[in-house]
Amino acid sequence: MTHRSGFACFVGRPNAGKSTLTNALVGQKVAITSGRPQTTRHVVRGIVHRDDAQLVLVDTPGLHRPRTLLGERLNDLVRDTLTEVDVVGFCLPADEKIGPGDRYIAEQLARLATPGRPGVPVVAVVTKADKVPRARLAEQLVAVDQLGEWADVVPVSAQDGYQVDVVADVLVGHLPEGPALYPEGELTDEPEQVMVAELVREAALEGVRDELPHSLAVVVEEIVPREQPPGADGRQLLDVRVNLYVERDSQKAIVIGRAGARLRDVGTRARTQIEALLGARVFLDLHVKVAKDWQRDPKQLGRLGF
C-alpha cells in the first residue's frame, strides 16, 4: 500500500471555520476557536495519522486587507506558508454570501502559480454546511465553483462531522508519496507555551465586545514546577504566569471586569484546558497590562512575538 505524507494549509477570511475544521480532522483541540474574527495568530500544525497517510495541517491567520502593521505581518505569514505546502484548502462558509474578502483571497491564490512551477492545488471547502438548508448549500457550491479554478469543491460541517472524512481523503489525494513526518500519536508541534497562551487568549475573547480581539496579545512568562510532592492523583503542580496585553486602559477594564470577576472567569476556564494539555495541576497567575498601540509599533510587536 502506498503511503502519502505532506502539508495542507487552510486559508479563508477570518472566522470561516478553519480552526474548527483543523480540530475536527485531528480529532482533538489543537487550534483555538472563537466567534471573533482574527482569533488565530500562530501557524498551528495539527497532525492527522492514518494507515495510508500522514496529513500535517497548517492553520494560518485569516488572509485579509491589512489595516495595521500586525495585519501586514499576518498576511506575510500566510503567503510564506502557502508557497511551502502541498495543497491548500480555501474555506468559505455556507451561511454567508461570497463577498469582497473571498474574492481578494481567490485573487491571491490565483497568483500562487509561478513561471515554470505549476500552482499548488487549491481545494475549495464550503464550511458550516449544517447551518443552511440543502437548496442554499447547492447555490453556494455553484457560486464557489465559479469563483476560481479549484482542484475540488467539498461541502463540510466540522460541527456534526458531515464529510470531514471526505475532506481528509481529498487533501490526502494531493500529497506526494512518502514516509510519516512525525512520530505516531503526536498531534501538533506547537511549543507548550504557545498553546497555553492561545488557550488563555481564547478564554479571554469569550463574550467580549468587538473592539478587543485585535488588541489582545498573550505572553506566557514562565511555566515552573512547584517544589512539592505530587497530589493524591499523582499529578505535579505547575505555576503558570501569564501576561495579557491590551492597547488602552478602557480595554484593561473590560478584560478584568467588575471587581476582577471577568478575569477570574477567564482563569477558571483556561485552567481546565491547560491542565488537560499539560497533564498536571495548574496554578494560573494572570496579569493584564497596557502596551499602548502595540499593533502599530515594530518594537512592541517583536517583543510580543510577532
C-alpha atoms as a PDB file:
ATOM      1  CA  MET A   1       0.000   0.000   0.000  1.00  0.00           C
ATOM      2  CA  THR A   2       1.409   3.414  -0.931  1.00  0.00           C
ATOM      3  CA  HIS A   3       1.813   5.892   1.909  1.00  0.00           C
ATOM      4  CA  ARG A   4       1.420   9.619   1.372  1.00  0.00           C
ATOM      5  CA  SER A   5       2.626  12.444   3.591  1.00  0.00           C
ATOM      6  CA  GLY A   6       2.764  16.195   3.346  1.00  0.00           C
ATOM      7  CA  PHE A   7       1.398  19.561   4.333  1.00  0.00           C
ATOM      8  CA  ALA A   8      -2.028  21.095   3.788  1.00  0.00           C
ATOM      9  CA  CYS A   9      -2.952  24.646   4.637  1.00  0.00           C
ATOM     10  CA  PHE A  10      -6.350  26.226   5.284  1.00  0.00           C
ATOM     11  CA  VAL A  11      -6.930  29.814   4.230  1.00  0.00           C
ATOM     12  CA  GLY A  12     -10.056  31.914   4.253  1.00  0.00           C
ATOM     13  CA  ARG A  13     -11.272  35.159   5.620  1.00  0.00           C
ATOM     14  CA  PRO A  14     -11.405  35.477   9.386  1.00  0.00           C
ATOM     15  CA  ASN A  15     -13.968  33.236  11.104  1.00  0.00           C
ATOM     16  CA  ALA A  16     -14.500  30.986   8.066  1.00  0.00           C
ATOM     17  CA  GLY A  17     -14.220  27.844  10.213  1.00  0.00           C
ATOM     18  CA  LYS A  18     -10.557  26.974   9.583  1.00  0.00           C
ATOM     19  CA  SER A  19      -9.577  26.209  13.200  1.00  0.00           C
ATOM     20  CA  THR A  20     -12.770  24.231  13.901  1.00  0.00           C
ATOM     21  CA  LEU A  21     -12.130  22.098  10.802  1.00  0.00           C
ATOM     22  CA  THR A  22      -8.476  21.570  11.837  1.00  0.00           C
ATOM     23  CA  ASN A  23      -9.631  20.324  15.250  1.00  0.00           C
ATOM     24  CA  ALA A  24     -12.277  18.046  13.680  1.00  0.00           C
ATOM     25  CA  LEU A  25      -9.750  16.460  11.315  1.00  0.00           C
ATOM     26  CA  VAL A  26      -7.151  15.920  14.059  1.00  0.00           C
ATOM     27  CA  GLY A  27      -9.870  14.704  16.443  1.00  0.00           C
ATOM     28  CA  GLN A  28      -8.641  16.901  19.272  1.00  0.00           C
ATOM     29  CA  LYS A  29      -8.309  20.585  20.048  1.00  0.00           C
ATOM     30  CA  VAL A  30      -5.026  21.942  18.642  1.00  0.00           C
ATOM     31  CA  ALA A  31      -6.210  25.291  17.277  1.00  0.00           C
ATOM     32  CA  ILE A  32      -8.160  27.843  19.296  1.00  0.00           C
ATOM     33  CA  THR A  33     -11.615  28.717  18.092  1.00  0.00           C
ATOM     34  CA  SER A  34     -13.745  31.745  18.816  1.00  0.00           C
ATOM     35  CA  GLY A  35     -16.721  33.550  17.328  1.00  0.00           C
ATOM     36  CA  ARG A  36     -14.416  36.543  16.921  1.00  0.00           C
ATOM     37  CA  PRO A  37     -12.534  37.165  13.673  1.00  0.00           C
ATOM     38  CA  GLN A  38      -8.709  37.062  13.759  1.00  0.00           C
ATOM     39  CA  THR A  39      -8.501  34.514  16.549  1.00  0.00           C
ATOM     40  CA  THR A  40      -5.567  32.546  15.138  1.00  0.00           C
ATOM     41  CA  ARG A  41      -2.216  34.327  15.073  1.00  0.00           C
ATOM     42  CA  HIS A  42       0.259  31.458  15.082  1.00  0.00           C
ATOM     43  CA  VAL A  43       0.739  28.802  12.435  1.00  0.00           C
ATOM     44  CA  VAL A  44      -0.679  25.773  14.250  1.00  0.00           C
ATOM     45  CA  ARG A  45       0.181  22.377  12.864  1.00  0.00           C
ATOM     46  CA  GLY A  46      -2.338  19.626  13.503  1.00  0.00           C
ATOM     47  CA  ILE A  47      -1.288  16.125  12.511  1.00  0.00           C
ATOM     48  CA  VAL A  48      -3.732  13.560  11.102  1.00  0.00           C
ATOM     49  CA  HIS A  49      -2.416   9.980  11.362  1.00  0.00           C
ATOM     50  CA  ARG A  50      -3.867   7.341   9.015  1.00  0.00           C
ATOM     51  CA  ASP A  51      -2.690   3.896   7.891  1.00  0.00           C
ATOM     52  CA  ASP A  52      -2.239   5.188   4.347  1.00  0.00           C
ATOM     53  CA  ALA A  53      -1.108   8.758   5.040  1.00  0.00           C
ATOM     54  CA  GLN A  54       0.057  11.458   7.398  1.00  0.00           C
ATOM     55  CA  LEU A  55      -1.575  14.819   6.764  1.00  0.00           C
ATOM     56  CA  VAL A  56       0.039  17.791   8.506  1.00  0.00           C
ATOM     57  CA  LEU A  57      -2.408  20.690   8.736  1.00  0.00           C
ATOM     58  CA  VAL A  58      -1.055  24.207   8.843  1.00  0.00           C
ATOM     59  CA  ASP A  59      -3.654  26.629  10.203  1.00  0.00           C
ATOM     60  CA  THR A  60      -2.922  30.248   9.336  1.00  0.00           C
ATOM     61  CA  PRO A  61      -4.458  33.577  10.363  1.00  0.00           C
ATOM     62  CA  GLY A  62      -7.263  34.809   8.105  1.00  0.00           C
ATOM     63  CA  LEU A  63      -5.980  36.463   4.936  1.00  0.00           C
ATOM     64  CA  HIS A  64      -7.405  39.989   4.855  1.00  0.00           C
ATOM     65  CA  ARG A  65      -6.708  43.515   3.614  1.00  0.00           C
ATOM     66  CA  PRO A  66      -4.312  44.754   6.324  1.00  0.00           C
ATOM     67  CA  ARG A  67      -5.033  47.939   8.279  1.00  0.00           C
ATOM     68  CA  THR A  68      -2.117  47.755  10.736  1.00  0.00           C
ATOM     69  CA  LEU A  69       1.491  46.576  10.819  1.00  0.00           C
ATOM     70  CA  LEU A  70       0.264  43.471  12.673  1.00  0.00           C
ATOM     71  CA  GLY A  71      -2.184  42.827   9.811  1.00  0.00           C
ATOM     72  CA  GLU A  72       0.621  43.120   7.242  1.00  0.00           C
ATOM     73  CA  ARG A  73       2.816  40.711   9.196  1.00  0.00           C
ATOM     74  CA  LEU A  74      -0.026  38.182   9.498  1.00  0.00           C
ATOM     75  CA  ASN A  75      -0.631  38.359   5.734  1.00  0.00           C
ATOM     76  CA  ASP A  76       3.098  37.835   5.022  1.00  0.00           C
ATOM     77  CA  LEU A  77       2.980  34.795   7.302  1.00  0.00           C
ATOM     78  CA  VAL A  78       0.075  33.361   5.290  1.00  0.00           C
ATOM     79  CA  ARG A  79       1.756  33.956   1.906  1.00  0.00           C
ATOM     80  CA  ASP A  80       5.026  32.388   3.075  1.00  0.00           C
ATOM     81  CA  THR A  81       3.103  29.340   4.291  1.00  0.00           C
ATOM     82  CA  LEU A  82       1.181  28.975   1.019  1.00  0.00           C
ATOM     83  CA  THR A  83       4.356  28.531  -1.025  1.00  0.00           C
ATOM     84  CA  GLU A  84       5.592  25.680   1.188  1.00  0.00           C
ATOM     85  CA  VAL A  85       2.570  23.331   1.326  1.00  0.00           C
ATOM     86  CA  ASP A  86       1.388  20.528  -0.969  1.00  0.00           C
ATOM     87  CA  VAL A  87      -2.291  21.502  -1.080  1.00  0.00           C
ATOM     88  CA  VAL A  88      -4.379  24.485   0.029  1.00  0.00           C
ATOM     89  CA  GLY A  89      -7.926  24.307   1.432  1.00  0.00           C
ATOM     90  CA  PHE A  90      -9.796  27.568   0.781  1.00  0.00           C
ATOM     91  CA  CYS A  91     -12.567  27.765   3.412  1.00  0.00           C
ATOM     92  CA  LEU A  92     -15.775  29.627   2.559  1.00  0.00           C
ATOM     93  CA  PRO A  93     -18.748  29.454   4.960  1.00  0.00           C
ATOM     94  CA  ALA A  94     -22.019  28.119   3.533  1.00  0.00           C
ATOM     95  CA  ASP A  95     -24.111  30.570   5.558  1.00  0.00           C
ATOM     96  CA  GLU A  96     -22.564  33.775   4.159  1.00  0.00           C
ATOM     97  CA  LYS A  97     -22.688  35.091   0.600  1.00  0.00           C
ATOM     98  CA  ILE A  98     -19.365  35.344  -1.227  1.00  0.00           C
ATOM     99  CA  GLY A  99     -18.018  38.821  -0.542  1.00  0.00           C
ATOM    100  CA  PRO A 100     -15.068  41.089  -1.427  1.00  0.00           C
ATOM    101  CA  GLY A 101     -12.891  39.351   1.187  1.00  0.00           C
ATOM    102  CA  ASP A 102     -13.384  35.965  -0.519  1.00  0.00           C
ATOM    103  CA  ARG A 103     -12.664  37.466  -3.957  1.00  0.00           C
ATOM    104  CA  TYR A 104      -9.496  39.088  -2.609  1.00  0.00           C
ATOM    105  CA  ILE A 105      -8.263  35.695  -1.320  1.00  0.00           C
ATOM    106  CA  ALA A 106      -9.249  33.947  -4.589  1.00  0.00           C
ATOM    107  CA  GLU A 107      -7.094  36.516  -6.479  1.00  0.00           C
ATOM    108  CA  GLN A 108      -4.151  35.919  -4.116  1.00  0.00           C
ATOM    109  CA  LEU A 109      -4.469  32.148  -4.587  1.00  0.00           C
ATOM    110  CA  ALA A 110      -4.574  32.505  -8.372  1.00  0.00           C
ATOM    111  CA  ARG A 111      -1.138  34.172  -8.168  1.00  0.00           C
ATOM    112  CA  LEU A 112       0.461  31.190  -6.439  1.00  0.00           C
ATOM    113  CA  ALA A 113       1.385  29.649  -9.798  1.00  0.00           C
ATOM    114  CA  THR A 114       4.811  30.947 -10.798  1.00  0.00           C
ATOM    115  CA  PRO A 115       6.545  30.663 -14.199  1.00  0.00           C
ATOM    116  CA  GLY A 116       7.956  27.159 -14.597  1.00  0.00           C
ATOM    117  CA  ARG A 117       6.206  25.893 -11.457  1.00  0.00           C
ATOM    118  CA  PRO A 118       2.597  24.775 -11.511  1.00  0.00           C
ATOM    119  CA  GLY A 119       0.496  26.274  -8.758  1.00  0.00           C
ATOM    120  CA  VAL A 120      -0.247  24.438  -5.539  1.00  0.00           C
ATOM    121  CA  PRO A 121      -3.634  22.668  -5.952  1.00  0.00           C
ATOM    122  CA  VAL A 122      -6.438  24.529  -4.173  1.00  0.00           C
ATOM    123  CA  VAL A 123      -9.477  22.681  -2.805  1.00  0.00           C
ATOM    124  CA  ALA A 124     -12.498  24.908  -2.114  1.00  0.00           C
ATOM    125  CA  VAL A 125     -14.014  23.773   1.204  1.00  0.00           C
ATOM    126  CA  VAL A 126     -17.543  25.049   1.886  1.00  0.00           C
ATOM    127  CA  THR A 127     -17.708  25.039   5.704  1.00  0.00           C
ATOM    128  CA  LYS A 128     -20.653  25.244   8.148  1.00  0.00           C
ATOM    129  CA  ALA A 129     -22.876  23.151   5.847  1.00  0.00           C
ATOM    130  CA  ASP A 130     -25.089  22.313   8.855  1.00  0.00           C
ATOM    131  CA  LYS A 131     -26.206  25.949   9.098  1.00  0.00           C
ATOM    132  CA  VAL A 132     -28.107  26.135   5.786  1.00  0.00           C
ATOM    133  CA  PRO A 133     -30.879  24.167   4.017  1.00  0.00           C
ATOM    134  CA  ARG A 134     -29.888  21.848   1.144  1.00  0.00           C
ATOM    135  CA  ALA A 135     -31.028  24.226  -1.592  1.00  0.00           C
ATOM    136  CA  ARG A 136     -28.961  27.096  -0.166  1.00  0.00           C
ATOM    137  CA  LEU A 137     -25.914  24.812   0.113  1.00  0.00           C
ATOM    138  CA  ALA A 138     -26.305  23.814  -3.548  1.00  0.00           C
ATOM    139  CA  GLU A 139     -26.437  27.512  -4.570  1.00  0.00           C
ATOM    140  CA  GLN A 140     -23.290  28.238  -2.551  1.00  0.00           C
ATOM    141  CA  LEU A 141     -21.427  25.308  -4.135  1.00  0.00           C
ATOM    142  CA  VAL A 142     -22.235  26.664  -7.610  1.00  0.00           C
ATOM    143  CA  ALA A 143     -21.151  30.198  -6.611  1.00  0.00           C
ATOM    144  CA  VAL A 144     -17.885  28.900  -5.127  1.00  0.00           C
ATOM    145  CA  ASP A 145     -17.206  26.792  -8.227  1.00  0.00           C
ATOM    146  CA  GLN A 146     -17.466  29.934 -10.371  1.00  0.00           C
ATOM    147  CA  LEU A 147     -15.094  31.909  -8.139  1.00  0.00           C
ATOM    148  CA  GLY A 148     -11.890  30.280  -9.422  1.00  0.00           C
ATOM    149  CA  GLU A 149     -10.063  27.216 -10.749  1.00  0.00           C
ATOM    150  CA  TRP A 150     -10.332  24.645  -7.956  1.00  0.00           C
ATOM    151  CA  ALA A 151      -8.926  21.100  -7.818  1.00  0.00           C
ATOM    152  CA  ASP A 152     -12.119  20.073  -5.949  1.00  0.00           C
ATOM    153  CA  VAL A 153     -15.127  21.648  -4.213  1.00  0.00           C
ATOM    154  CA  VAL A 154     -16.228  19.907  -0.986  1.00  0.00           C
ATOM    155  CA  PRO A 155     -19.019  20.853   1.457  1.00  0.00           C
ATOM    156  CA  VAL A 156     -18.320  20.028   5.114  1.00  0.00           C
ATOM    157  CA  SER A 157     -19.629  20.555   8.637  1.00  0.00           C
ATOM    158  CA  ALA A 158     -16.978  20.259  11.338  1.00  0.00           C
ATOM    159  CA  GLN A 159     -19.749  20.708  13.906  1.00  0.00           C
ATOM    160  CA  ASP A 160     -21.642  17.497  13.162  1.00  0.00           C
ATOM    161  CA  GLY A 161     -18.902  15.603  11.288  1.00  0.00           C
ATOM    162  CA  TYR A 162     -20.614  15.740   7.862  1.00  0.00           C
ATOM    163  CA  GLN A 163     -17.965  14.910   5.184  1.00  0.00           C
ATOM    164  CA  VAL A 164     -14.967  15.565   7.471  1.00  0.00           C
ATOM    165  CA  ASP A 165     -13.510  12.226   6.275  1.00  0.00           C
ATOM    166  CA  VAL A 166     -14.168  13.247   2.645  1.00  0.00           C
ATOM    167  CA  VAL A 167     -12.176  16.470   3.132  1.00  0.00           C
ATOM    168  CA  ALA A 168      -9.331  14.369   4.591  1.00  0.00           C
ATOM    169  CA  ASP A 169      -9.446  11.960   1.607  1.00  0.00           C
ATOM    170  CA  VAL A 170      -9.416  14.803  -0.926  1.00  0.00           C
ATOM    171  CA  LEU A 171      -6.480  16.576   0.748  1.00  0.00           C
ATOM    172  CA  VAL A 172      -4.515  13.325   1.124  1.00  0.00           C
ATOM    173  CA  GLY A 173      -5.064  12.669  -2.590  1.00  0.00           C
ATOM    174  CA  HIS A 174      -2.932  15.724  -3.384  1.00  0.00           C
ATOM    175  CA  LEU A 175       0.008  14.723  -1.142  1.00  0.00           C
ATOM    176  CA  PRO A 176       3.198  13.168  -2.522  1.00  0.00           C
ATOM    177  CA  GLU A 177       4.144   9.580  -1.662  1.00  0.00           C
ATOM    178  CA  GLY A 178       6.452   9.419   1.341  1.00  0.00           C
ATOM    179  CA  PRO A 179       7.004   8.175   4.894  1.00  0.00           C
ATOM    180  CA  ALA A 180       5.466   9.694   8.031  1.00  0.00           C
ATOM    181  CA  LEU A 181       6.997  13.055   9.006  1.00  0.00           C
ATOM    182  CA  TYR A 182       6.055  12.945  12.720  1.00  0.00           C
ATOM    183  CA  PRO A 183       6.002  10.148  15.317  1.00  0.00           C
ATOM    184  CA  GLU A 184       2.751   8.198  15.757  1.00  0.00           C
ATOM    185  CA  GLY A 185       0.499   9.839  18.356  1.00  0.00           C
ATOM    186  CA  GLU A 186       1.929  13.345  18.017  1.00  0.00           C
ATOM    187  CA  LEU A 187      -0.899  15.781  17.275  1.00  0.00           C
ATOM    188  CA  THR A 188       0.875  19.137  16.988  1.00  0.00           C
ATOM    189  CA  ASP A 189       4.424  20.536  17.013  1.00  0.00           C
ATOM    190  CA  GLU A 190       3.445  23.796  18.698  1.00  0.00           C
ATOM    191  CA  PRO A 191       5.547  24.584  21.770  1.00  0.00           C
ATOM    192  CA  GLU A 192       3.542  24.164  25.002  1.00  0.00           C
ATOM    193  CA  GLN A 193       3.973  27.842  25.932  1.00  0.00           C
ATOM    194  CA  VAL A 194       2.373  28.947  22.641  1.00  0.00           C
ATOM    195  CA  MET A 195      -0.585  26.612  23.155  1.00  0.00           C
ATOM    196  CA  VAL A 196      -1.046  27.778  26.770  1.00  0.00           C
ATOM    197  CA  ALA A 197      -1.033  31.416  25.569  1.00  0.00           C
ATOM    198  CA  GLU A 198      -3.617  30.574  22.906  1.00  0.00           C
ATOM    199  CA  LEU A 199      -5.915  28.859  25.425  1.00  0.00           C
ATOM    200  CA  VAL A 200      -5.788  31.910  27.708  1.00  0.00           C
ATOM    201  CA  ARG A 201      -6.482  34.157  24.727  1.00  0.00           C
ATOM    202  CA  GLU A 202      -9.471  32.047  23.680  1.00  0.00           C
ATOM    203  CA  ALA A 203     -10.947  32.222  27.197  1.00  0.00           C
ATOM    204  CA  ALA A 204     -10.351  35.990  27.332  1.00  0.00           C
ATOM    205  CA  LEU A 205     -12.116  36.539  23.990  1.00  0.00           C
ATOM    206  CA  GLU A 206     -15.288  34.718  25.022  1.00  0.00           C
ATOM    207  CA  GLY A 207     -18.225  37.122  25.221  1.00  0.00           C
ATOM    208  CA  VAL A 208     -16.334  40.416  24.977  1.00  0.00           C
ATOM    209  CA  ARG A 209     -17.105  43.374  22.795  1.00  0.00           C
ATOM    210  CA  ASP A 210     -15.858  43.560  19.208  1.00  0.00           C
ATOM    211  CA  GLU A 211     -13.121  46.120  19.866  1.00  0.00           C
ATOM    212  CA  LEU A 212     -10.958  43.720  21.846  1.00  0.00           C
ATOM    213  CA  PRO A 213      -9.819  40.786  19.643  1.00  0.00           C
ATOM    214  CA  HIS A 214      -7.168  42.585  17.579  1.00  0.00           C
ATOM    215  CA  SER A 215      -5.921  44.408  20.660  1.00  0.00           C
ATOM    216  CA  LEU A 216      -5.281  41.380  22.873  1.00  0.00           C
ATOM    217  CA  ALA A 217      -1.877  39.677  22.994  1.00  0.00           C
ATOM    218  CA  VAL A 218      -0.985  36.956  25.483  1.00  0.00           C
ATOM    219  CA  VAL A 219       2.545  36.067  26.593  1.00  0.00           C
ATOM    220  CA  VAL A 220       3.409  33.150  28.901  1.00  0.00           C
ATOM    221  CA  GLU A 221       6.182  34.407  31.182  1.00  0.00           C
ATOM    222  CA  GLU A 222       7.007  31.037  32.744  1.00  0.00           C
ATOM    223  CA  ILE A 223       5.809  27.530  33.483  1.00  0.00           C
ATOM    224  CA  VAL A 224       7.615  26.211  36.572  1.00  0.00           C
ATOM    225  CA  PRO A 225       7.003  23.122  38.716  1.00  0.00           C
ATOM    226  CA  ARG A 226       6.344  23.666  42.441  1.00  0.00           C
ATOM    227  CA  GLU A 227       8.872  22.006  44.688  1.00  0.00           C
ATOM    228  CA  GLN A 228       6.410  19.769  46.478  1.00  0.00           C
ATOM    229  CA  PRO A 229       5.362  16.132  46.113  1.00  0.00           C
ATOM    230  CA  PRO A 230       2.619  15.293  43.570  1.00  0.00           C
ATOM    231  CA  GLY A 231      -1.013  15.324  44.775  1.00  0.00           C
ATOM    232  CA  ALA A 232      -3.153  12.276  45.560  1.00  0.00           C
ATOM    233  CA  ASP A 233      -3.889  11.934  41.820  1.00  0.00           C
ATOM    234  CA  GLY A 234      -0.133  11.685  41.122  1.00  0.00           C
ATOM    235  CA  ARG A 235      -0.076  14.948  39.191  1.00  0.00           C
ATOM    236  CA  GLN A 236       2.515  17.635  39.716  1.00  0.00           C
ATOM    237  CA  LEU A 237       1.559  21.266  40.473  1.00  0.00           C
ATOM    238  CA  LEU A 238       2.782  23.863  37.962  1.00  0.00           C
ATOM    239  CA  ASP A 239       2.894  27.639  38.406  1.00  0.00           C
ATOM    240  CA  VAL A 240       1.884  29.244  35.095  1.00  0.00           C
ATOM    241  CA  ARG A 241       2.410  33.014  34.905  1.00  0.00           C
ATOM    242  CA  VAL A 242       0.747  34.820  32.023  1.00  0.00           C
ATOM    243  CA  ASN A 243       0.546  38.472  30.926  1.00  0.00           C
ATOM    244  CA  LEU A 244      -2.385  39.723  28.832  1.00  0.00           C
ATOM    245  CA  TYR A 245      -1.561  42.888  26.883  1.00  0.00           C
ATOM    246  CA  VAL A 246      -4.175  45.367  25.631  1.00  0.00           C
ATOM    247  CA  GLU A 247      -3.745  48.773  23.992  1.00  0.00           C
ATOM    248  CA  ARG A 248      -5.843  51.029  26.244  1.00  0.00           C
ATOM    249  CA  ASP A 249      -6.908  51.370  29.883  1.00  0.00           C
ATOM    250  CA  SER A 250     -10.558  51.024  28.835  1.00  0.00           C
ATOM    251  CA  GLN A 251      -9.762  47.601  27.330  1.00  0.00           C
ATOM    252  CA  LYS A 252      -7.926  46.587  30.506  1.00  0.00           C
ATOM    253  CA  ALA A 253     -11.122  47.325  32.447  1.00  0.00           C
ATOM    254  CA  ILE A 254     -13.120  45.108  30.043  1.00  0.00           C
ATOM    255  CA  VAL A 255     -10.748  42.146  30.481  1.00  0.00           C
ATOM    256  CA  ILE A 256     -10.638  42.451  34.290  1.00  0.00           C
ATOM    257  CA  GLY A 257     -14.379  43.098  34.716  1.00  0.00           C
ATOM    258  CA  ARG A 258     -16.173  44.421  37.790  1.00  0.00           C
ATOM    259  CA  ALA A 259     -14.129  43.637  40.927  1.00  0.00           C
ATOM    260  CA  GLY A 260     -11.998  41.226  38.854  1.00  0.00           C
ATOM    261  CA  ALA A 261     -14.920  38.899  38.098  1.00  0.00           C
ATOM    262  CA  ARG A 262     -14.200  38.542  34.373  1.00  0.00           C
ATOM    263  CA  LEU A 263     -10.511  37.805  34.811  1.00  0.00           C
ATOM    264  CA  ARG A 264     -11.331  35.140  37.428  1.00  0.00           C
ATOM    265  CA  ASP A 265     -13.764  33.567  34.973  1.00  0.00           C
ATOM    266  CA  VAL A 266     -11.093  33.629  32.227  1.00  0.00           C
ATOM    267  CA  GLY A 267      -8.649  31.946  34.630  1.00  0.00           C
ATOM    268  CA  THR A 268     -11.115  29.222  35.622  1.00  0.00           C
ATOM    269  CA  ARG A 269     -11.980  28.398  32.009  1.00  0.00           C
ATOM    270  CA  ALA A 270      -8.408  28.482  30.713  1.00  0.00           C
ATOM    271  CA  ARG A 271      -7.018  26.479  33.652  1.00  0.00           C
ATOM    272  CA  THR A 272      -9.245  23.467  32.897  1.00  0.00           C
ATOM    273  CA  GLN A 273      -7.952  23.331  29.306  1.00  0.00           C
ATOM    274  CA  ILE A 274      -4.315  23.984  30.306  1.00  0.00           C
ATOM    275  CA  GLU A 275      -4.432  21.154  32.879  1.00  0.00           C
ATOM    276  CA  ALA A 276      -5.732  18.797  30.181  1.00  0.00           C
ATOM    277  CA  LEU A 277      -2.957  19.944  27.814  1.00  0.00           C
ATOM    278  CA  LEU A 278      -0.084  19.687  30.313  1.00  0.00           C
ATOM    279  CA  GLY A 279      -1.370  16.696  32.292  1.00  0.00           C
ATOM    280  CA  ALA A 280      -0.690  18.496  35.576  1.00  0.00           C
ATOM    281  CA  ARG A 281      -2.491  20.586  38.184  1.00  0.00           C
ATOM    282  CA  VAL A 282      -2.032  24.278  37.423  1.00  0.00           C
ATOM    283  CA  PHE A 283      -1.916  27.465  39.489  1.00  0.00           C
ATOM    284  CA  LEU A 284      -2.668  30.111  36.845  1.00  0.00           C
ATOM    285  CA  ASP A 285      -1.458  33.636  37.609  1.00  0.00           C
ATOM    286  CA  LEU A 286      -2.930  36.199  35.165  1.00  0.00           C
ATOM    287  CA  HIS A 287      -1.920  39.868  34.883  1.00  0.00           C
ATOM    288  CA  VAL A 288      -3.419  42.448  32.484  1.00  0.00           C
ATOM    289  CA  LYS A 289      -1.058  45.151  31.201  1.00  0.00           C
ATOM    290  CA  VAL A 290      -1.414  48.103  28.813  1.00  0.00           C
ATOM    291  CA  ALA A 291       1.054  48.249  25.885  1.00  0.00           C
ATOM    292  CA  LYS A 292      -0.116  51.382  24.094  1.00  0.00           C
ATOM    293  CA  ASP A 293      -0.820  50.902  20.351  1.00  0.00           C
ATOM    294  CA  TRP A 294       1.328  47.748  20.235  1.00  0.00           C
ATOM    295  CA  GLN A 295      -0.166  46.662  16.889  1.00  0.00           C
ATOM    296  CA  ARG A 296       1.468  49.615  15.121  1.00  0.00           C
ATOM    297  CA  ASP A 297       4.800  49.611  16.965  1.00  0.00           C
ATOM    298  CA  PRO A 298       7.520  47.372  15.404  1.00  0.00           C
ATOM    299  CA  LYS A 299       9.498  47.146  18.700  1.00  0.00           C
ATOM    300  CA  GLN A 300       6.480  46.072  20.736  1.00  0.00           C
ATOM    301  CA  LEU A 301       5.326  43.644  18.011  1.00  0.00           C
ATOM    302  CA  GLY A 302       8.735  41.973  18.210  1.00  0.00           C
ATOM    303  CA  ARG A 303       8.575  41.760  21.993  1.00  0.00           C
ATOM    304  CA  LEU A 304       5.124  40.171  21.848  1.00  0.00           C
ATOM    305  CA  GLY A 305       6.298  37.527  19.380  1.00  0.00           C
ATOM    306  CA  PHE A 306       5.131  38.889  16.011  1.00  0.00           C
END
